[in-house]
Amino acid sequence: MAEGPSRGALREEAADLFARPFPVAVDGRIAGVAWDAAARALTVSLSDAGEGAHRLSAPARTWPDGVVARCDGAEVEVKPASIPGRVDVPCAGSTLVLGPA
């Protein structure tokens, strides 16, 4: 069987750019999303947040040592989702921040 063309080496800068976290699904409405690259912190502003968990993308490339989450300033539990690179976080407040552990 013949091998296909090589894709070449991983372009680190491009990989870092595309490995940004984002909200996947929220219990409520998203009022805003901000990414602070220097602090490696994702802030999701919520309105009408419910009591359920929010699912967020948490790329290992961005946070190789894991993540911590804060809901309105208080640390909350982060559970790995069934899909690698995703986490479930409870937050019935208005500001959810995901950052490096």
N, C-alpha and C. Protein backbone atom coordinates (compact mmCIF):
# COMPACT_ATOMS: atom_id res chain seq x y z
N MET A 1 0.84 -1.17 0.00
CA MET A 1 0.00 0.00 0.00
C MET A 1 0.89 1.25 0.00
N ALA A 2 0.60 2.16 -0.85
CA ALA A 2 1.40 3.38 -0.98
C ALA A 2 1.03 4.37 0.11
N GLU A 3 2.03 5.08 0.61
CA GLU A 3 1.79 6.10 1.61
C GLU A 3 1.37 7.40 0.93
N GLY A 4 0.53 8.18 1.62
CA GLY A 4 0.10 9.46 1.08
C GLY A 4 1.16 10.51 1.31
N PRO A 5 0.90 11.70 0.86
CA PRO A 5 1.87 12.79 1.03
C PRO A 5 2.03 13.14 2.51
N SER A 6 3.19 13.57 2.87
CA SER A 6 3.48 13.98 4.24
C SER A 6 2.83 15.34 4.50
N ARG A 7 2.34 15.52 5.70
CA ARG A 7 1.75 16.81 6.06
C ARG A 7 2.80 17.79 6.55
N GLY A 8 3.99 17.32 6.78
CA GLY A 8 5.06 18.19 7.26
C GLY A 8 5.03 18.34 8.76
N ALA A 9 5.91 19.14 9.26
CA ALA A 9 6.03 19.36 10.70
C ALA A 9 4.89 20.22 11.22
N LEU A 10 4.55 20.02 12.48
CA LEU A 10 3.53 20.83 13.12
C LEU A 10 4.02 22.27 13.23
N ARG A 11 3.21 23.20 12.79
CA ARG A 11 3.54 24.61 12.92
C ARG A 11 3.03 25.08 14.29
N GLU A 12 3.97 25.20 15.23
CA GLU A 12 3.63 25.47 16.62
C GLU A 12 2.78 26.73 16.80
N GLU A 13 3.13 27.81 16.13
CA GLU A 13 2.37 29.06 16.28
C GLU A 13 0.93 28.90 15.81
N ALA A 14 0.74 28.20 14.71
CA ALA A 14 -0.62 27.97 14.20
C ALA A 14 -1.39 27.05 15.15
N ALA A 15 -0.74 26.02 15.66
CA ALA A 15 -1.39 25.10 16.59
C ALA A 15 -1.83 25.83 17.86
N ASP A 16 -0.97 26.72 18.37
CA ASP A 16 -1.33 27.51 19.56
C ASP A 16 -2.52 28.40 19.29
N LEU A 17 -2.59 28.98 18.12
CA LEU A 17 -3.69 29.87 17.75
C LEU A 17 -5.02 29.12 17.72
N PHE A 18 -5.01 27.90 17.18
CA PHE A 18 -6.25 27.14 17.03
C PHE A 18 -6.62 26.34 18.27
N ALA A 19 -5.77 26.31 19.28
CA ALA A 19 -6.04 25.55 20.50
C ALA A 19 -6.68 26.41 21.58
N ARG A 20 -7.38 27.43 21.19
CA ARG A 20 -8.02 28.30 22.17
C ARG A 20 -9.29 27.66 22.72
N PRO A 21 -9.56 27.90 24.01
CA PRO A 21 -10.78 27.38 24.61
C PRO A 21 -12.00 28.21 24.21
N PHE A 22 -13.17 27.61 24.35
CA PHE A 22 -14.41 28.30 24.02
C PHE A 22 -15.57 27.59 24.71
N PRO A 23 -16.70 28.29 24.91
CA PRO A 23 -17.88 27.62 25.46
C PRO A 23 -18.48 26.70 24.39
N VAL A 24 -18.77 25.48 24.77
CA VAL A 24 -19.37 24.51 23.85
C VAL A 24 -20.89 24.53 24.01
N ALA A 25 -21.35 24.46 25.26
CA ALA A 25 -22.78 24.49 25.57
C ALA A 25 -22.95 25.08 26.95
N VAL A 26 -23.91 25.98 27.11
CA VAL A 26 -24.15 26.58 28.42
C VAL A 26 -25.61 26.41 28.81
N ASP A 27 -25.84 26.35 30.12
CA ASP A 27 -27.19 26.30 30.66
C ASP A 27 -27.58 27.75 30.94
N GLY A 28 -28.13 28.40 29.96
CA GLY A 28 -28.48 29.81 30.03
C GLY A 28 -28.12 30.48 28.72
N ARG A 29 -27.78 31.74 28.80
CA ARG A 29 -27.38 32.49 27.60
C ARG A 29 -26.01 33.09 27.79
N ILE A 30 -25.24 33.14 26.72
CA ILE A 30 -23.93 33.76 26.74
C ILE A 30 -24.09 35.26 26.50
N ALA A 31 -23.61 36.06 27.44
CA ALA A 31 -23.67 37.51 27.29
C ALA A 31 -22.36 38.05 26.70
N GLY A 32 -21.28 37.28 26.84
CA GLY A 32 -20.00 37.70 26.30
C GLY A 32 -18.94 36.64 26.54
N VAL A 33 -17.89 36.68 25.73
CA VAL A 33 -16.76 35.76 25.86
C VAL A 33 -15.49 36.56 25.66
N ALA A 34 -14.51 36.36 26.54
CA ALA A 34 -13.23 37.06 26.41
C ALA A 34 -12.10 36.07 26.66
N TRP A 35 -11.03 36.18 25.87
CA TRP A 35 -9.85 35.34 26.02
C TRP A 35 -8.67 36.24 26.33
N ASP A 36 -8.01 36.00 27.47
CA ASP A 36 -6.81 36.73 27.86
C ASP A 36 -5.63 35.80 27.60
N ALA A 37 -4.93 35.99 26.48
CA ALA A 37 -3.85 35.09 26.08
C ALA A 37 -2.70 35.12 27.06
N ALA A 38 -2.37 36.29 27.61
CA ALA A 38 -1.25 36.38 28.53
C ALA A 38 -1.51 35.59 29.81
N ALA A 39 -2.73 35.66 30.34
CA ALA A 39 -3.09 34.95 31.56
C ALA A 39 -3.61 33.54 31.28
N ARG A 40 -3.84 33.25 30.00
CA ARG A 40 -4.45 31.99 29.57
C ARG A 40 -5.77 31.76 30.31
N ALA A 41 -6.63 32.77 30.31
CA ALA A 41 -7.90 32.73 31.02
C ALA A 41 -9.06 33.00 30.07
N LEU A 42 -10.05 32.13 30.13
CA LEU A 42 -11.29 32.30 29.37
C LEU A 42 -12.35 32.81 30.33
N THR A 43 -12.98 33.92 29.99
CA THR A 43 -14.08 34.46 30.79
C THR A 43 -15.35 34.40 29.98
N VAL A 44 -16.36 33.75 30.55
CA VAL A 44 -17.67 33.65 29.90
C VAL A 44 -18.67 34.39 30.78
N SER A 45 -19.27 35.44 30.22
CA SER A 45 -20.31 36.19 30.92
C SER A 45 -21.64 35.53 30.59
N LEU A 46 -22.42 35.24 31.64
CA LEU A 46 -23.68 34.50 31.46
C LEU A 46 -24.87 35.36 31.88
N SER A 47 -25.99 35.12 31.24
CA SER A 47 -27.24 35.71 31.71
C SER A 47 -28.25 34.56 31.76
N ASP A 48 -29.11 34.62 32.73
CA ASP A 48 -30.13 33.58 32.93
C ASP A 48 -29.50 32.19 33.09
N ALA A 49 -28.37 32.12 33.80
CA ALA A 49 -27.70 30.83 34.00
C ALA A 49 -28.58 29.92 34.85
N GLY A 50 -28.66 28.66 34.43
CA GLY A 50 -29.42 27.67 35.18
C GLY A 50 -28.54 26.96 36.19
N GLU A 51 -29.08 25.93 36.82
CA GLU A 51 -28.35 25.17 37.83
C GLU A 51 -27.50 24.05 37.21
N GLY A 52 -27.64 23.82 35.91
CA GLY A 52 -26.88 22.76 35.24
C GLY A 52 -25.44 23.14 34.97
N ALA A 53 -24.68 22.18 34.46
CA ALA A 53 -23.27 22.42 34.15
C ALA A 53 -23.13 23.03 32.77
N HIS A 54 -22.05 23.78 32.62
CA HIS A 54 -21.68 24.36 31.33
C HIS A 54 -20.53 23.52 30.77
N ARG A 55 -20.55 23.24 29.49
CA ARG A 55 -19.45 22.49 28.87
C ARG A 55 -18.54 23.47 28.13
N LEU A 56 -17.24 23.37 28.45
CA LEU A 56 -16.25 24.26 27.86
C LEU A 56 -15.14 23.45 27.22
N SER A 57 -14.61 23.98 26.14
CA SER A 57 -13.41 23.41 25.53
C SER A 57 -12.24 23.77 26.43
N ALA A 58 -11.38 22.78 26.75
CA ALA A 58 -10.21 23.01 27.61
C ALA A 58 -9.03 22.27 27.00
N PRO A 59 -8.46 22.80 25.90
CA PRO A 59 -7.39 22.10 25.20
C PRO A 59 -6.16 21.88 26.07
N ALA A 60 -5.63 20.66 26.04
CA ALA A 60 -4.42 20.33 26.78
C ALA A 60 -3.24 21.15 26.28
N ARG A 61 -3.27 21.56 25.04
CA ARG A 61 -2.20 22.39 24.50
C ARG A 61 -2.17 23.76 25.18
N THR A 62 -3.34 24.27 25.55
CA THR A 62 -3.45 25.55 26.24
C THR A 62 -3.16 25.40 27.73
N TRP A 63 -3.70 24.33 28.33
CA TRP A 63 -3.55 24.08 29.76
C TRP A 63 -3.01 22.67 29.99
N PRO A 64 -1.72 22.45 29.77
CA PRO A 64 -1.16 21.10 29.91
C PRO A 64 -1.24 20.55 31.33
N ASP A 65 -1.33 21.43 32.35
CA ASP A 65 -1.40 20.97 33.74
C ASP A 65 -2.82 20.99 34.29
N GLY A 66 -3.81 21.12 33.43
CA GLY A 66 -5.20 21.14 33.86
C GLY A 66 -5.72 22.55 34.07
N VAL A 67 -6.98 22.63 34.52
CA VAL A 67 -7.65 23.92 34.67
C VAL A 67 -8.31 24.04 36.04
N VAL A 68 -8.54 25.27 36.42
CA VAL A 68 -9.39 25.59 37.57
C VAL A 68 -10.50 26.50 37.05
N ALA A 69 -11.63 26.47 37.74
CA ALA A 69 -12.76 27.29 37.33
C ALA A 69 -13.26 28.10 38.52
N ARG A 70 -13.72 29.30 38.22
CA ARG A 70 -14.31 30.17 39.24
C ARG A 70 -15.66 30.67 38.72
N CYS A 71 -16.64 30.62 39.61
CA CYS A 71 -17.98 31.13 39.31
C CYS A 71 -18.21 32.32 40.22
N ASP A 72 -18.31 33.50 39.65
CA ASP A 72 -18.44 34.74 40.41
C ASP A 72 -17.37 34.84 41.50
N GLY A 73 -16.15 34.41 41.16
CA GLY A 73 -15.01 34.53 42.07
C GLY A 73 -14.76 33.33 42.97
N ALA A 74 -15.74 32.44 43.12
CA ALA A 74 -15.58 31.27 43.99
C ALA A 74 -15.16 30.06 43.16
N GLU A 75 -14.16 29.32 43.65
CA GLU A 75 -13.70 28.15 42.91
C GLU A 75 -14.80 27.08 42.91
N VAL A 76 -15.01 26.47 41.73
CA VAL A 76 -16.00 25.41 41.58
C VAL A 76 -15.33 24.18 40.98
N GLU A 77 -16.00 23.04 41.12
CA GLU A 77 -15.47 21.76 40.66
C GLU A 77 -15.44 21.70 39.13
N VAL A 78 -14.37 21.15 38.60
CA VAL A 78 -14.22 20.93 37.17
C VAL A 78 -14.25 19.42 36.93
N LYS A 79 -15.18 18.96 36.11
CA LYS A 79 -15.27 17.53 35.80
C LYS A 79 -14.90 17.31 34.34
N PRO A 80 -14.04 16.32 34.06
CA PRO A 80 -13.74 16.00 32.66
C PRO A 80 -15.02 15.51 31.97
N ALA A 81 -15.25 15.96 30.76
CA ALA A 81 -16.41 15.52 29.99
C ALA A 81 -16.06 14.20 29.30
N SER A 82 -17.04 13.59 28.68
CA SER A 82 -16.82 12.32 27.98
C SER A 82 -15.97 12.50 26.73
N ILE A 83 -15.84 13.72 26.26
CA ILE A 83 -15.03 14.02 25.07
C ILE A 83 -13.72 14.63 25.55
N PRO A 84 -12.56 14.08 25.15
CA PRO A 84 -11.28 14.66 25.57
C PRO A 84 -11.18 16.13 25.17
N GLY A 85 -10.57 16.92 26.06
CA GLY A 85 -10.41 18.35 25.78
C GLY A 85 -11.63 19.18 26.13
N ARG A 86 -12.60 18.57 26.80
CA ARG A 86 -13.80 19.29 27.23
C ARG A 86 -14.00 19.08 28.72
N VAL A 87 -14.56 20.06 29.41
CA VAL A 87 -14.86 19.96 30.83
C VAL A 87 -16.27 20.46 31.09
N ASP A 88 -16.86 19.95 32.17
CA ASP A 88 -18.17 20.40 32.63
C ASP A 88 -17.98 21.14 33.94
N VAL A 89 -18.59 22.34 34.02
CA VAL A 89 -18.39 23.22 35.17
C VAL A 89 -19.75 23.78 35.60
N PRO A 90 -20.10 23.65 36.89
CA PRO A 90 -21.35 24.27 37.35
C PRO A 90 -21.14 25.76 37.63
N CYS A 91 -22.11 26.57 37.28
CA CYS A 91 -22.06 28.00 37.61
C CYS A 91 -23.44 28.59 37.37
N ALA A 92 -24.12 28.92 38.45
CA ALA A 92 -25.43 29.57 38.34
C ALA A 92 -25.29 31.08 38.43
N GLY A 93 -24.06 31.57 38.41
CA GLY A 93 -23.80 33.00 38.52
C GLY A 93 -23.73 33.69 37.17
N SER A 94 -23.02 34.82 37.14
CA SER A 94 -22.97 35.60 35.92
C SER A 94 -21.60 35.62 35.25
N THR A 95 -20.55 35.17 35.97
CA THR A 95 -19.20 35.18 35.39
C THR A 95 -18.49 33.87 35.68
N LEU A 96 -18.11 33.17 34.64
CA LEU A 96 -17.40 31.90 34.73
C LEU A 96 -16.02 32.10 34.13
N VAL A 97 -14.97 31.80 34.90
CA VAL A 97 -13.59 31.96 34.44
C VAL A 97 -12.89 30.62 34.51
N LEU A 98 -12.28 30.23 33.41
CA LEU A 98 -11.49 29.00 33.32
C LEU A 98 -10.05 29.41 33.08
N GLY A 99 -9.13 28.90 33.93
CA GLY A 99 -7.74 29.28 33.82
C GLY A 99 -6.82 28.13 34.18
N PRO A 100 -5.51 28.35 34.10
CA PRO A 100 -4.54 27.29 34.36
C PRO A 100 -4.55 26.85 35.83
N ALA A 101 -4.34 25.55 36.03
CA ALA A 101 -4.27 24.99 37.39
C ALA A 101 -2.98 25.41 38.05
